[in-house]
Amino acid sequence: METTTTTTSTSKALMFWLAVTCIVTMASAVVPLRSAEATQDLGGCIMSFVSVEGCVEAIHDAVTHKVYDGLKHECCTAITQLGDNCWPLLFPGRPAVPLFLKAICKLIGGDAAKVEKVAAPPY
């Protein structure tokens, strides 16, 4: 049963990134992206997270479900080191996402248990 949940979570996260890729591709056809020197390509941006095991799923869960337990130290390192030019490619129209993820990573310092206290409502 646990494998099915993991597979479902992974499938949802990959579908999320596929949707982001499609949106960026369509948007770049309408509005040309900046020069190659000024921005990383979409594949390079995505690989920054895919290369860290569980990071894509962790970002998806943090952004869509406000679940932070997957944001491990390695994933937070990838988040904080990602170039500013990648964020608009990965989350078009959502400029708060990188600020949110970087703040959460700074708060938890790679220990997702800490964020439970920070994110809990005051009531």
PDB file of N, CA and C in Angstrom:
ATOM      1  N   MET A   1       0.825  -1.193   0.000  1.00  0.00           N
ATOM      2  CA  MET A   1       0.000   0.000   0.000  1.00  0.00           C
ATOM      3  C   MET A   1       0.864   1.249   0.000  1.00  0.00           C
ATOM      4  N   GLU A   2       1.977   1.203   0.742  1.00  0.00           N
ATOM      5  CA  GLU A   2       2.864   2.354   0.826  1.00  0.00           C
ATOM      6  C   GLU A   2       3.501   2.658  -0.528  1.00  0.00           C
ATOM      7  N   THR A   3       3.838   1.609  -1.300  1.00  0.00           N
ATOM      8  CA  THR A   3       4.421   1.798  -2.621  1.00  0.00           C
ATOM      9  C   THR A   3       3.434   2.480  -3.555  1.00  0.00           C
ATOM     10  N   THR A   4       2.154   2.128  -3.460  1.00  0.00           N
ATOM     11  CA  THR A   4       1.126   2.745  -4.287  1.00  0.00           C
ATOM     12  C   THR A   4       1.010   4.226  -3.983  1.00  0.00           C
ATOM     13  N   THR A   5       1.068   4.601  -2.700  1.00  0.00           N
ATOM     14  CA  THR A   5       0.999   6.007  -2.309  1.00  0.00           C
ATOM     15  C   THR A   5       2.199   6.769  -2.841  1.00  0.00           C
ATOM     16  N   THR A   6       3.380   6.186  -2.739  1.00  0.00           N
ATOM     17  CA  THR A   6       4.590   6.828  -3.241  1.00  0.00           C
ATOM     18  C   THR A   6       4.522   6.988  -4.750  1.00  0.00           C
ATOM     19  N   THR A   7       4.056   5.944  -5.445  1.00  0.00           N
ATOM     20  CA  THR A   7       3.933   6.004  -6.895  1.00  0.00           C
ATOM     21  C   THR A   7       2.930   7.067  -7.303  1.00  0.00           C
ATOM     22  N   THR A   8       1.811   7.141  -6.604  1.00  0.00           N
ATOM     23  CA  THR A   8       0.801   8.147  -6.904  1.00  0.00           C
ATOM     24  C   THR A   8       1.346   9.543  -6.676  1.00  0.00           C
ATOM     25  N   SER A   9       2.053   9.747  -5.574  1.00  0.00           N
ATOM     26  CA  SER A   9       2.645  11.051  -5.275  1.00  0.00           C
ATOM     27  C   SER A   9       3.664  11.440  -6.332  1.00  0.00           C
ATOM     28  N   THR A  10       4.499  10.502  -6.732  1.00  0.00           N
ATOM     29  CA  THR A  10       5.492  10.761  -7.762  1.00  0.00           C
ATOM     30  C   THR A  10       4.817  11.082  -9.087  1.00  0.00           C
ATOM     31  N   SER A  11       3.774  10.343  -9.424  1.00  0.00           N
ATOM     32  CA  SER A  11       3.049  10.589 -10.674  1.00  0.00           C
ATOM     33  C   SER A  11       2.422  11.971 -10.679  1.00  0.00           C
ATOM     34  N   LYS A  12       1.829  12.373  -9.566  1.00  0.00           N
ATOM     35  CA  LYS A  12       1.224  13.702  -9.482  1.00  0.00           C
ATOM     36  C   LYS A  12       2.281  14.792  -9.629  1.00  0.00           C
ATOM     37  N   ALA A  13       3.417  14.604  -8.989  1.00  0.00           N
ATOM     38  CA  ALA A  13       4.485  15.603  -9.075  1.00  0.00           C
ATOM     39  C   ALA A  13       5.026  15.698 -10.499  1.00  0.00           C
ATOM     40  N   LEU A  14       5.207  14.558 -11.153  1.00  0.00           N
ATOM     41  CA  LEU A  14       5.699  14.586 -12.521  1.00  0.00           C
ATOM     42  C   LEU A  14       4.679  15.216 -13.459  1.00  0.00           C
ATOM     43  N   MET A  15       3.394  14.974 -13.240  1.00  0.00           N
ATOM     44  CA  MET A  15       2.349  15.612 -14.043  1.00  0.00           C
ATOM     45  C   MET A  15       2.364  17.121 -13.812  1.00  0.00           C
ATOM     46  N   PHE A  16       2.609  17.539 -12.581  1.00  0.00           N
ATOM     47  CA  PHE A  16       2.704  18.954 -12.250  1.00  0.00           C
ATOM     48  C   PHE A  16       3.825  19.596 -13.055  1.00  0.00           C
ATOM     49  N   TRP A  17       5.004  18.981 -13.056  1.00  0.00           N
ATOM     50  CA  TRP A  17       6.147  19.535 -13.784  1.00  0.00           C
ATOM     51  C   TRP A  17       5.920  19.478 -15.291  1.00  0.00           C
ATOM     52  N   LEU A  18       5.221  18.456 -15.767  1.00  0.00           N
ATOM     53  CA  LEU A  18       4.891  18.387 -17.187  1.00  0.00           C
ATOM     54  C   LEU A  18       3.979  19.538 -17.570  1.00  0.00           C
ATOM     55  N   ALA A  19       3.007  19.839 -16.733  1.00  0.00           N
ATOM     56  CA  ALA A  19       2.114  20.971 -16.985  1.00  0.00           C
ATOM     57  C   ALA A  19       2.893  22.283 -17.001  1.00  0.00           C
ATOM     58  N   VAL A  20       3.804  22.444 -16.055  1.00  0.00           N
ATOM     59  CA  VAL A  20       4.635  23.657 -16.014  1.00  0.00           C
ATOM     60  C   VAL A  20       5.447  23.764 -17.306  1.00  0.00           C
ATOM     61  N   THR A  21       6.015  22.655 -17.741  1.00  0.00           N
ATOM     62  CA  THR A  21       6.801  22.647 -18.975  1.00  0.00           C
ATOM     63  C   THR A  21       5.950  23.050 -20.178  1.00  0.00           C
ATOM     64  N   CYS A  22       4.745  22.521 -20.269  1.00  0.00           N
ATOM     65  CA  CYS A  22       3.850  22.857 -21.379  1.00  0.00           C
ATOM     66  C   CYS A  22       3.487  24.339 -21.365  1.00  0.00           C
ATOM     67  N   ILE A  23       3.190  24.866 -20.191  1.00  0.00           N
ATOM     68  CA  ILE A  23       2.829  26.279 -20.080  1.00  0.00           C
ATOM     69  C   ILE A  23       3.997  27.156 -20.503  1.00  0.00           C
ATOM     70  N   VAL A  24       5.181  26.831 -20.040  1.00  0.00           N
ATOM     71  CA  VAL A  24       6.360  27.624 -20.391  1.00  0.00           C
ATOM     72  C   VAL A  24       6.634  27.541 -21.887  1.00  0.00           C
ATOM     73  N   THR A  25       6.478  26.371 -22.458  1.00  0.00           N
ATOM     74  CA  THR A  25       6.705  26.205 -23.891  1.00  0.00           C
ATOM     75  C   THR A  25       5.727  27.050 -24.696  1.00  0.00           C
ATOM     76  N   MET A  26       4.453  27.018 -24.308  1.00  0.00           N
ATOM     77  CA  MET A  26       3.456  27.820 -25.011  1.00  0.00           C
ATOM     78  C   MET A  26       3.721  29.313 -24.822  1.00  0.00           C
ATOM     79  N   ALA A  27       4.096  29.702 -23.617  1.00  0.00           N
ATOM     80  CA  ALA A  27       4.363  31.113 -23.343  1.00  0.00           C
ATOM     81  C   ALA A  27       5.581  31.595 -24.110  1.00  0.00           C
ATOM     82  N   SER A  28       6.585  30.771 -24.234  1.00  0.00           N
ATOM     83  CA  SER A  28       7.787  31.198 -24.945  1.00  0.00           C
ATOM     84  C   SER A  28       7.531  31.321 -26.439  1.00  0.00           C
ATOM     85  N   ALA A  29       6.526  30.626 -26.953  1.00  0.00           N
ATOM     86  CA  ALA A  29       6.183  30.769 -28.360  1.00  0.00           C
ATOM     87  C   ALA A  29       5.524  32.124 -28.613  1.00  0.00           C
ATOM     88  N   VAL A  30       4.817  32.636 -27.612  1.00  0.00           N
ATOM     89  CA  VAL A  30       4.138  33.919 -27.739  1.00  0.00           C
ATOM     90  C   VAL A  30       5.072  35.061 -27.381  1.00  0.00           C
ATOM     91  N   VAL A  31       5.763  34.922 -26.251  1.00  0.00           N
ATOM     92  CA  VAL A  31       6.693  35.959 -25.791  1.00  0.00           C
ATOM     93  C   VAL A  31       8.074  35.329 -25.737  1.00  0.00           C
ATOM     94  N   PRO A  32       8.978  35.728 -26.600  1.00  0.00           N
ATOM     95  CA  PRO A  32      10.306  35.106 -26.606  1.00  0.00           C
ATOM     96  C   PRO A  32      11.017  35.278 -25.262  1.00  0.00           C
ATOM     97  N   LEU A  33      11.698  34.228 -24.857  1.00  0.00           N
ATOM     98  CA  LEU A  33      12.471  34.286 -23.624  1.00  0.00           C
ATOM     99  C   LEU A  33      13.707  35.145 -23.846  1.00  0.00           C
ATOM    100  N   ARG A  34      14.301  35.564 -22.734  1.00  0.00           N
ATOM    101  CA  ARG A  34      15.527  36.351 -22.827  1.00  0.00           C
ATOM    102  C   ARG A  34      16.629  35.530 -23.482  1.00  0.00           C
ATOM    103  N   SER A  35      17.721  36.156 -23.775  1.00  0.00           N
ATOM    104  CA  SER A  35      18.826  35.479 -24.454  1.00  0.00           C
ATOM    105  C   SER A  35      19.308  34.284 -23.646  1.00  0.00           C
ATOM    106  N   ALA A  36      19.918  33.361 -24.340  1.00  0.00           N
ATOM    107  CA  ALA A  36      20.429  32.150 -23.690  1.00  0.00           C
ATOM    108  C   ALA A  36      21.472  32.481 -22.639  1.00  0.00           C
ATOM    109  N   GLU A  37      22.187  33.575 -22.817  1.00  0.00           N
ATOM    110  CA  GLU A  37      23.193  33.964 -21.835  1.00  0.00           C
ATOM    111  C   GLU A  37      22.550  34.447 -20.551  1.00  0.00           C
ATOM    112  N   ALA A  38      21.357  35.027 -20.653  1.00  0.00           N
ATOM    113  CA  ALA A  38      20.716  35.626 -19.489  1.00  0.00           C
ATOM    114  C   ALA A  38      19.882  34.626 -18.698  1.00  0.00           C
ATOM    115  N   THR A  39      19.569  33.499 -19.268  1.00  0.00           N
ATOM    116  CA  THR A  39      18.699  32.562 -18.567  1.00  0.00           C
ATOM    117  C   THR A  39      19.162  31.129 -18.776  1.00  0.00           C
ATOM    118  N   GLN A  40      18.909  30.292 -17.778  1.00  0.00           N
ATOM    119  CA  GLN A  40      19.180  28.872 -17.937  1.00  0.00           C
ATOM    120  C   GLN A  40      18.021  28.293 -18.745  1.00  0.00           C
ATOM    121  N   ASP A  41      18.260  27.195 -19.440  1.00  0.00           N
ATOM    122  CA  ASP A  41      17.162  26.576 -20.167  1.00  0.00           C
ATOM    123  C   ASP A  41      16.271  25.806 -19.197  1.00  0.00           C
ATOM    124  N   LEU A  42      15.059  25.552 -19.628  1.00  0.00           N
ATOM    125  CA  LEU A  42      14.081  24.879 -18.772  1.00  0.00           C
ATOM    126  C   LEU A  42      14.579  23.521 -18.302  1.00  0.00           C
ATOM    127  N   GLY A  43      15.206  22.771 -19.205  1.00  0.00           N
ATOM    128  CA  GLY A  43      15.726  21.458 -18.829  1.00  0.00           C
ATOM    129  C   GLY A  43      16.763  21.543 -17.725  1.00  0.00           C
ATOM    130  N   GLY A  44      17.655  22.522 -17.817  1.00  0.00           N
ATOM    131  CA  GLY A  44      18.667  22.707 -16.776  1.00  0.00           C
ATOM    132  C   GLY A  44      18.048  23.098 -15.452  1.00  0.00           C
ATOM    133  N   CYS A  45      17.003  23.936 -15.527  1.00  0.00           N
ATOM    134  CA  CYS A  45      16.318  24.356 -14.298  1.00  0.00           C
ATOM    135  C   CYS A  45      15.652  23.162 -13.617  1.00  0.00           C
ATOM    136  N   ILE A  46      14.949  22.362 -14.398  1.00  0.00           N
ATOM    137  CA  ILE A  46      14.256  21.199 -13.833  1.00  0.00           C
ATOM    138  C   ILE A  46      15.271  20.192 -13.302  1.00  0.00           C
ATOM    139  N   MET A  47      16.375  19.990 -14.022  1.00  0.00           N
ATOM    140  CA  MET A  47      17.386  19.017 -13.586  1.00  0.00           C
ATOM    141  C   MET A  47      18.001  19.387 -12.248  1.00  0.00           C
ATOM    142  N   SER A  48      18.007  20.666 -11.901  1.00  0.00           N
ATOM    143  CA  SER A  48      18.519  21.075 -10.596  1.00  0.00           C
ATOM    144  C   SER A  48      17.752  20.382  -9.475  1.00  0.00           C
ATOM    145  N   PHE A  49      16.455  20.158  -9.695  1.00  0.00           N
ATOM    146  CA  PHE A  49      15.621  19.501  -8.684  1.00  0.00           C
ATOM    147  C   PHE A  49      15.524  18.000  -8.897  1.00  0.00           C
ATOM    148  N   VAL A  50      15.457  17.558 -10.154  1.00  0.00           N
ATOM    149  CA  VAL A  50      15.316  16.139 -10.444  1.00  0.00           C
ATOM    150  C   VAL A  50      16.549  15.374  -9.971  1.00  0.00           C
ATOM    151  N   SER A  51      17.700  16.027 -10.009  1.00  0.00           N
ATOM    152  CA  SER A  51      18.933  15.355  -9.594  1.00  0.00           C
ATOM    153  C   SER A  51      18.987  15.089  -8.094  1.00  0.00           C
ATOM    154  N   VAL A  52      18.109  15.715  -7.325  1.00  0.00           N
ATOM    155  CA  VAL A  52      18.046  15.477  -5.877  1.00  0.00           C
ATOM    156  C   VAL A  52      16.832  14.582  -5.609  1.00  0.00           C
ATOM    157  N   GLU A  53      17.093  13.400  -5.100  1.00  0.00           N
ATOM    158  CA  GLU A  53      16.024  12.428  -4.893  1.00  0.00           C
ATOM    159  C   GLU A  53      14.906  12.993  -4.004  1.00  0.00           C
ATOM    160  N   GLY A  54      13.685  12.934  -4.511  1.00  0.00           N
ATOM    161  CA  GLY A  54      12.512  13.352  -3.760  1.00  0.00           C
ATOM    162  C   GLY A  54      12.252  14.853  -3.754  1.00  0.00           C
ATOM    163  N   CYS A  55      13.105  15.628  -4.390  1.00  0.00           N
ATOM    164  CA  CYS A  55      12.978  17.083  -4.325  1.00  0.00           C
ATOM    165  C   CYS A  55      11.781  17.595  -5.129  1.00  0.00           C
ATOM    166  N   VAL A  56      11.540  17.029  -6.302  1.00  0.00           N
ATOM    167  CA  VAL A  56      10.395  17.462  -7.119  1.00  0.00           C
ATOM    168  C   VAL A  56       9.104  17.254  -6.344  1.00  0.00           C
ATOM    169  N   GLU A  57       8.972  16.082  -5.749  1.00  0.00           N
ATOM    170  CA  GLU A  57       7.775  15.775  -4.971  1.00  0.00           C
ATOM    171  C   GLU A  57       7.656  16.690  -3.757  1.00  0.00           C
ATOM    172  N   ALA A  58       8.781  16.961  -3.108  1.00  0.00           N
ATOM    173  CA  ALA A  58       8.783  17.817  -1.919  1.00  0.00           C
ATOM    174  C   ALA A  58       8.353  19.238  -2.259  1.00  0.00           C
ATOM    175  N   ILE A  59       8.843  19.765  -3.369  1.00  0.00           N
ATOM    176  CA  ILE A  59       8.450  21.110  -3.791  1.00  0.00           C
ATOM    177  C   ILE A  59       6.976  21.138  -4.157  1.00  0.00           C
ATOM    178  N   HIS A  60       6.537  20.132  -4.874  1.00  0.00           N
ATOM    179  CA  HIS A  60       5.115  20.036  -5.240  1.00  0.00           C
ATOM    180  C   HIS A  60       4.243  20.010  -3.986  1.00  0.00           C
ATOM    181  N   ASP A  61       4.605  19.180  -3.008  1.00  0.00           N
ATOM    182  CA  ASP A  61       3.826  19.083  -1.770  1.00  0.00           C
ATOM    183  C   ASP A  61       3.859  20.391  -0.980  1.00  0.00           C
ATOM    184  N   ALA A  62       5.001  21.046  -0.954  1.00  0.00           N
ATOM    185  CA  ALA A  62       5.117  22.309  -0.212  1.00  0.00           C
ATOM    186  C   ALA A  62       4.274  23.401  -0.847  1.00  0.00           C
ATOM    187  N   VAL A  63       4.329  23.501  -2.173  1.00  0.00           N
ATOM    188  CA  VAL A  63       3.627  24.574  -2.871  1.00  0.00           C
ATOM    189  C   VAL A  63       2.118  24.323  -2.929  1.00  0.00           C
ATOM    190  N   THR A  64       1.712  23.097  -3.211  1.00  0.00           N
ATOM    191  CA  THR A  64       0.289  22.838  -3.412  1.00  0.00           C
ATOM    192  C   THR A  64      -0.450  22.394  -2.157  1.00  0.00           C
ATOM    193  N   HIS A  65       0.230  21.691  -1.253  1.00  0.00           N
ATOM    194  CA  HIS A  65      -0.448  21.124  -0.087  1.00  0.00           C
ATOM    195  C   HIS A  65       0.070  21.651   1.252  1.00  0.00           C
ATOM    196  N   LYS A  66       1.091  22.498   1.208  1.00  0.00           N
ATOM    197  CA  LYS A  66       1.716  23.038   2.426  1.00  0.00           C
ATOM    198  C   LYS A  66       2.189  21.926   3.364  1.00  0.00           C
ATOM    199  N   VAL A  67       2.784  20.910   2.754  1.00  0.00           N
ATOM    200  CA  VAL A  67       3.393  19.794   3.474  1.00  0.00           C
ATOM    201  C   VAL A  67       4.889  19.901   3.242  1.00  0.00           C
ATOM    202  N   TYR A  68       5.641  20.022   4.330  1.00  0.00           N
ATOM    203  CA  TYR A  68       7.064  20.365   4.214  1.00  0.00           C
ATOM    204  C   TYR A  68       8.012  19.245   4.600  1.00  0.00           C
ATOM    205  N   ASP A  69       7.505  18.083   4.974  1.00  0.00           N
ATOM    206  CA  ASP A  69       8.380  17.031   5.488  1.00  0.00           C
ATOM    207  C   ASP A  69       9.345  16.471   4.443  1.00  0.00           C
ATOM    208  N   GLY A  70       9.111  16.721   3.166  1.00  0.00           N
ATOM    209  CA  GLY A  70      10.025  16.239   2.135  1.00  0.00           C
ATOM    210  C   GLY A  70      11.166  17.187   1.832  1.00  0.00           C
ATOM    211  N   LEU A  71      11.126  18.396   2.376  1.00  0.00           N
ATOM    212  CA  LEU A  71      12.183  19.378   2.112  1.00  0.00           C
ATOM    213  C   LEU A  71      13.405  19.065   2.972  1.00  0.00           C
ATOM    214  N   LYS A  72      14.231  18.205   2.454  1.00  0.00           N
ATOM    215  CA  LYS A  72      15.468  17.819   3.145  1.00  0.00           C
ATOM    216  C   LYS A  72      16.581  18.806   2.807  1.00  0.00           C
ATOM    217  N   HIS A  73      17.681  18.664   3.480  1.00  0.00           N
ATOM    218  CA  HIS A  73      18.818  19.582   3.318  1.00  0.00           C
ATOM    219  C   HIS A  73      19.256  19.691   1.854  1.00  0.00           C
ATOM    220  N   GLU A  74      19.376  18.561   1.162  1.00  0.00           N
ATOM    221  CA  GLU A  74      19.842  18.573  -0.221  1.00  0.00           C
ATOM    222  C   GLU A  74      18.872  19.322  -1.121  1.00  0.00           C
ATOM    223  N   CYS A  75      17.575  19.149  -0.882  1.00  0.00           N
ATOM    224  CA  CYS A  75      16.560  19.839  -1.678  1.00  0.00           C
ATOM    225  C   CYS A  75      16.610  21.344  -1.403  1.00  0.00           C
ATOM    226  N   CYS A  76      16.748  21.715  -0.148  1.00  0.00           N
ATOM    227  CA  CYS A  76      16.849  23.137   0.194  1.00  0.00           C
ATOM    228  C   CYS A  76      18.100  23.757  -0.420  1.00  0.00           C
ATOM    229  N   THR A  77      19.176  22.998  -0.495  1.00  0.00           N
ATOM    230  CA  THR A  77      20.386  23.496  -1.150  1.00  0.00           C
ATOM    231  C   THR A  77      20.103  23.760  -2.625  1.00  0.00           C
ATOM    232  N   ALA A  78      19.408  22.840  -3.287  1.00  0.00           N
ATOM    233  CA  ALA A  78      19.055  23.033  -4.702  1.00  0.00           C
ATOM    234  C   ALA A  78      18.150  24.256  -4.865  1.00  0.00           C
ATOM    235  N   ILE A  79      17.226  24.460  -3.931  1.00  0.00           N
ATOM    236  CA  ILE A  79      16.313  25.608  -3.984  1.00  0.00           C
ATOM    237  C   ILE A  79      17.088  26.905  -3.847  1.00  0.00           C
ATOM    238  N   THR A  80      17.974  26.978  -2.876  1.00  0.00           N
ATOM    239  CA  THR A  80      18.684  28.237  -2.624  1.00  0.00           C
ATOM    240  C   THR A  80      19.737  28.527  -3.686  1.00  0.00           C
ATOM    241  N   GLN A  81      20.238  27.507  -4.357  1.00  0.00           N
ATOM    242  CA  GLN A  81      21.270  27.713  -5.368  1.00  0.00           C
ATOM    243  C   GLN A  81      20.713  27.896  -6.776  1.00  0.00           C
ATOM    244  N   LEU A  82      19.432  27.677  -6.955  1.00  0.00           N
ATOM    245  CA  LEU A  82      18.827  27.817  -8.280  1.00  0.00           C
ATOM    246  C   LEU A  82      18.879  29.269  -8.722  1.00  0.00           C
ATOM    247  N   GLY A  83      19.272  29.506  -9.952  1.00  0.00           N
ATOM    248  CA  GLY A  83      19.383  30.861 -10.483  1.00  0.00           C
ATOM    249  C   GLY A  83      18.041  31.575 -10.524  1.00  0.00           C
ATOM    250  N   ASP A  84      18.069  32.871 -10.309  1.00  0.00           N
ATOM    251  CA  ASP A  84      16.844  33.667 -10.316  1.00  0.00           C
ATOM    252  C   ASP A  84      16.115  33.600 -11.654  1.00  0.00           C
ATOM    253  N   ASN A  85      16.826  33.319 -12.721  1.00  0.00           N
ATOM    254  CA  ASN A  85      16.198  33.226 -14.038  1.00  0.00           C
ATOM    255  C   ASN A  85      15.370  31.959 -14.215  1.00  0.00           C
ATOM    256  N   CYS A  86      15.600  30.958 -13.374  1.00  0.00           N
ATOM    257  CA  CYS A  86      14.854  29.702 -13.497  1.00  0.00           C
ATOM    258  C   CYS A  86      13.448  29.798 -12.899  1.00  0.00           C
ATOM    259  N   TRP A  87      13.296  30.537 -11.845  1.00  0.00           N
ATOM    260  CA  TRP A  87      12.009  30.560 -11.143  1.00  0.00           C
ATOM    261  C   TRP A  87      10.837  30.957 -12.039  1.00  0.00           C
ATOM    262  N   PRO A  88      10.961  31.997 -12.862  1.00  0.00           N
ATOM    263  CA  PRO A  88       9.829  32.330 -13.737  1.00  0.00           C
ATOM    264  C   PRO A  88       9.528  31.234 -14.764  1.00  0.00           C
ATOM    265  N   LEU A  89      10.527  30.437 -15.107  1.00  0.00           N
ATOM    266  CA  LEU A  89      10.301  29.328 -16.029  1.00  0.00           C
ATOM    267  C   LEU A  89       9.548  28.191 -15.342  1.00  0.00           C
ATOM    268  N   LEU A  90       9.899  27.925 -14.102  1.00  0.00           N
ATOM    269  CA  LEU A  90       9.294  26.821 -13.371  1.00  0.00           C
ATOM    270  C   LEU A  90       7.923  27.166 -12.801  1.00  0.00           C
ATOM    271  N   PHE A  91       7.757  28.411 -12.375  1.00  0.00           N
ATOM    272  CA  PHE A  91       6.492  28.854 -11.779  1.00  0.00           C
ATOM    273  C   PHE A  91       6.051  30.166 -12.419  1.00  0.00           C
ATOM    274  N   PRO A  92       5.655  30.113 -13.690  1.00  0.00           N
ATOM    275  CA  PRO A  92       5.268  31.352 -14.367  1.00  0.00           C
ATOM    276  C   PRO A  92       4.053  31.992 -13.688  1.00  0.00           C
ATOM    277  N   GLY A  93       4.142  33.287 -13.493  1.00  0.00           N
ATOM    278  CA  GLY A  93       3.036  34.018 -12.881  1.00  0.00           C
ATOM    279  C   GLY A  93       2.911  33.828 -11.380  1.00  0.00           C
ATOM    280  N   ARG A  94       3.883  33.182 -10.765  1.00  0.00           N
ATOM    281  CA  ARG A  94       3.843  32.942  -9.317  1.00  0.00           C
ATOM    282  C   ARG A  94       5.159  33.394  -8.687  1.00  0.00           C
ATOM    283  N   PRO A  95       5.394  34.703  -8.636  1.00  0.00           N
ATOM    284  CA  PRO A  95       6.683  35.204  -8.146  1.00  0.00           C
ATOM    285  C   PRO A  95       6.937  34.958  -6.667  1.00  0.00           C
ATOM    286  N   ALA A  96       5.914  34.635  -5.900  1.00  0.00           N
ATOM    287  CA  ALA A  96       6.104  34.407  -4.471  1.00  0.00           C
ATOM    288  C   ALA A  96       6.656  33.014  -4.167  1.00  0.00           C
ATOM    289  N   VAL A  97       6.556  32.088  -5.099  1.00  0.00           N
ATOM    290  CA  VAL A  97       6.992  30.713  -4.842  1.00  0.00           C
ATOM    291  C   VAL A  97       8.460  30.632  -4.435  1.00  0.00           C
ATOM    292  N   PRO A  98       9.405  31.241  -5.158  1.00  0.00           N
ATOM    293  CA  PRO A  98      10.796  31.124  -4.711  1.00  0.00           C
ATOM    294  C   PRO A  98      11.032  31.764  -3.354  1.00  0.00           C
ATOM    295  N   LEU A  99      10.377  32.878  -3.100  1.00  0.00           N
ATOM    296  CA  LEU A  99      10.528  33.521  -1.783  1.00  0.00           C
ATOM    297  C   LEU A  99      10.001  32.609  -0.678  1.00  0.00           C
ATOM    298  N   PHE A 100       8.856  32.010  -0.934  1.00  0.00           N
ATOM    299  CA  PHE A 100       8.236  31.089   0.016  1.00  0.00           C
ATOM    300  C   PHE A 100       9.146  29.887   0.293  1.00  0.00           C
ATOM    301  N   LEU A 101       9.614  29.241  -0.773  1.00  0.00           N
ATOM    302  CA  LEU A 101      10.448  28.049  -0.598  1.00  0.00           C
ATOM    303  C   LEU A 101      11.770  28.369   0.092  1.00  0.00           C
ATOM    304  N   LYS A 102      12.388  29.487  -0.292  1.00  0.00           N
ATOM    305  CA  LYS A 102      13.656  29.868   0.338  1.00  0.00           C
ATOM    306  C   LYS A 102      13.450  30.201   1.821  1.00  0.00           C
ATOM    307  N   ALA A 103      12.346  30.857   2.139  1.00  0.00           N
ATOM    308  CA  ALA A 103      12.058  31.191   3.540  1.00  0.00           C
ATOM    309  C   ALA A 103      11.823  29.928   4.358  1.00  0.00           C
ATOM    310  N   ILE A 104      11.051  28.991   3.809  1.00  0.00           N
ATOM    311  CA  ILE A 104      10.799  27.729   4.522  1.00  0.00           C
ATOM    312  C   ILE A 104      12.113  26.994   4.742  1.00  0.00           C
ATOM    313  N   CYS A 105      12.950  26.921   3.710  1.00  0.00           N
ATOM    314  CA  CYS A 105      14.242  26.230   3.857  1.00  0.00           C
ATOM    315  C   CYS A 105      15.116  26.907   4.898  1.00  0.00           C
ATOM    316  N   LYS A 106      15.094  28.225   4.928  1.00  0.00           N
ATOM    317  CA  LYS A 106      15.893  28.943   5.928  1.00  0.00           C
ATOM    318  C   LYS A 106      15.371  28.665   7.335  1.00  0.00           C
ATOM    319  N   LEU A 107      14.048  28.629   7.481  1.00  0.00           N
ATOM    320  CA  LEU A 107      13.449  28.367   8.793  1.00  0.00           C
ATOM    321  C   LEU A 107      13.740  26.964   9.296  1.00  0.00           C
ATOM    322  N   ILE A 108      13.615  25.986   8.403  1.00  0.00           N
ATOM    323  CA  ILE A 108      13.764  24.607   8.858  1.00  0.00           C
ATOM    324  C   ILE A 108      15.208  24.135   8.841  1.00  0.00           C
ATOM    325  N   GLY A 109      16.047  24.791   8.064  1.00  0.00           N
ATOM    326  CA  GLY A 109      17.444  24.381   8.006  1.00  0.00           C
ATOM    327  C   GLY A 109      17.608  22.921   7.637  1.00  0.00           C
ATOM    328  N   GLY A 110      16.714  22.405   6.786  1.00  0.00           N
ATOM    329  CA  GLY A 110      16.786  21.011   6.373  1.00  0.00           C
ATOM    330  C   GLY A 110      16.095  20.065   7.339  1.00  0.00           C
ATOM    331  N   ASP A 111      15.458  20.589   8.396  1.00  0.00           N
ATOM    332  CA  ASP A 111      14.742  19.759   9.363  1.00  0.00           C
ATOM    333  C   ASP A 111      13.261  20.109   9.280  1.00  0.00           C
ATOM    334  N   ALA A 112      12.524  19.345   8.492  1.00  0.00           N
ATOM    335  CA  ALA A 112      11.118  19.656   8.218  1.00  0.00           C
ATOM    336  C   ALA A 112      10.253  19.617   9.473  1.00  0.00           C
ATOM    337  N   ALA A 113      10.677  18.931  10.517  1.00  0.00           N
ATOM    338  CA  ALA A 113       9.887  18.885  11.747  1.00  0.00           C
ATOM    339  C   ALA A 113       9.751  20.274  12.365  1.00  0.00           C
ATOM    340  N   LYS A 114      10.744  21.131  12.144  1.00  0.00           N
ATOM    341  CA  LYS A 114      10.699  22.485  12.700  1.00  0.00           C
ATOM    342  C   LYS A 114       9.585  23.330  12.096  1.00  0.00           C
ATOM    343  N   VAL A 115       9.267  23.074  10.845  1.00  0.00           N
ATOM    344  CA  VAL A 115       8.272  23.901  10.162  1.00  0.00           C
ATOM    345  C   VAL A 115       6.868  23.653  10.670  1.00  0.00           C
ATOM    346  N   GLU A 116       6.632  22.512  11.260  1.00  0.00           N
ATOM    347  CA  GLU A 116       5.300  22.235  11.819  1.00  0.00           C
ATOM    348  C   GLU A 116       4.909  23.319  12.822  1.00  0.00           C
ATOM    349  N   LYS A 117       5.841  23.730  13.657  1.00  0.00           N
ATOM    350  CA  LYS A 117       5.579  24.762  14.658  1.00  0.00           C
ATOM    351  C   LYS A 117       5.406  26.126  13.995  1.00  0.00           C
ATOM    352  N   VAL A 118       6.174  26.395  12.954  1.00  0.00           N
ATOM    353  CA  VAL A 118       6.122  27.691  12.270  1.00  0.00           C
ATOM    354  C   VAL A 118       4.837  27.810  11.478  1.00  0.00           C
ATOM    355  N   ALA A 119       4.438  26.738  10.789  1.00  0.00           N
ATOM    356  CA  ALA A 119       3.296  26.788   9.877  1.00  0.00           C
ATOM    357  C   ALA A 119       1.960  26.557  10.573  1.00  0.00           C
ATOM    358  N   ALA A 120       1.977  26.147  11.814  1.00  0.00           N
ATOM    359  CA  ALA A 120       0.724  25.854  12.510  1.00  0.00           C
ATOM    360  C   ALA A 120      -0.072  27.138  12.744  1.00  0.00           C
ATOM    361  N   PRO A 121      -1.390  27.074  12.521  1.00  0.00           N
ATOM    362  CA  PRO A 121      -2.208  28.264  12.763  1.00  0.00           C
ATOM    363  C   PRO A 121      -2.224  28.608  14.247  1.00  0.00           C
ATOM    364  N   PRO A 122      -2.399  29.887  14.587  1.00  0.00           N
ATOM    365  CA  PRO A 122      -2.310  30.303  15.982  1.00  0.00           C
ATOM    366  C   PRO A 122      -3.498  29.904  16.829  1.00  0.00           C
ATOM    367  N   TYR A 123      -4.500  29.287  16.288  1.00  0.00           N
ATOM    368  CA  TYR A 123      -5.684  28.897  17.067  1.00  0.00           C
ATOM    369  C   TYR A 123      -5.731  27.435  17.334  1.00  0.00           C
TER     370      TYR A 123
END
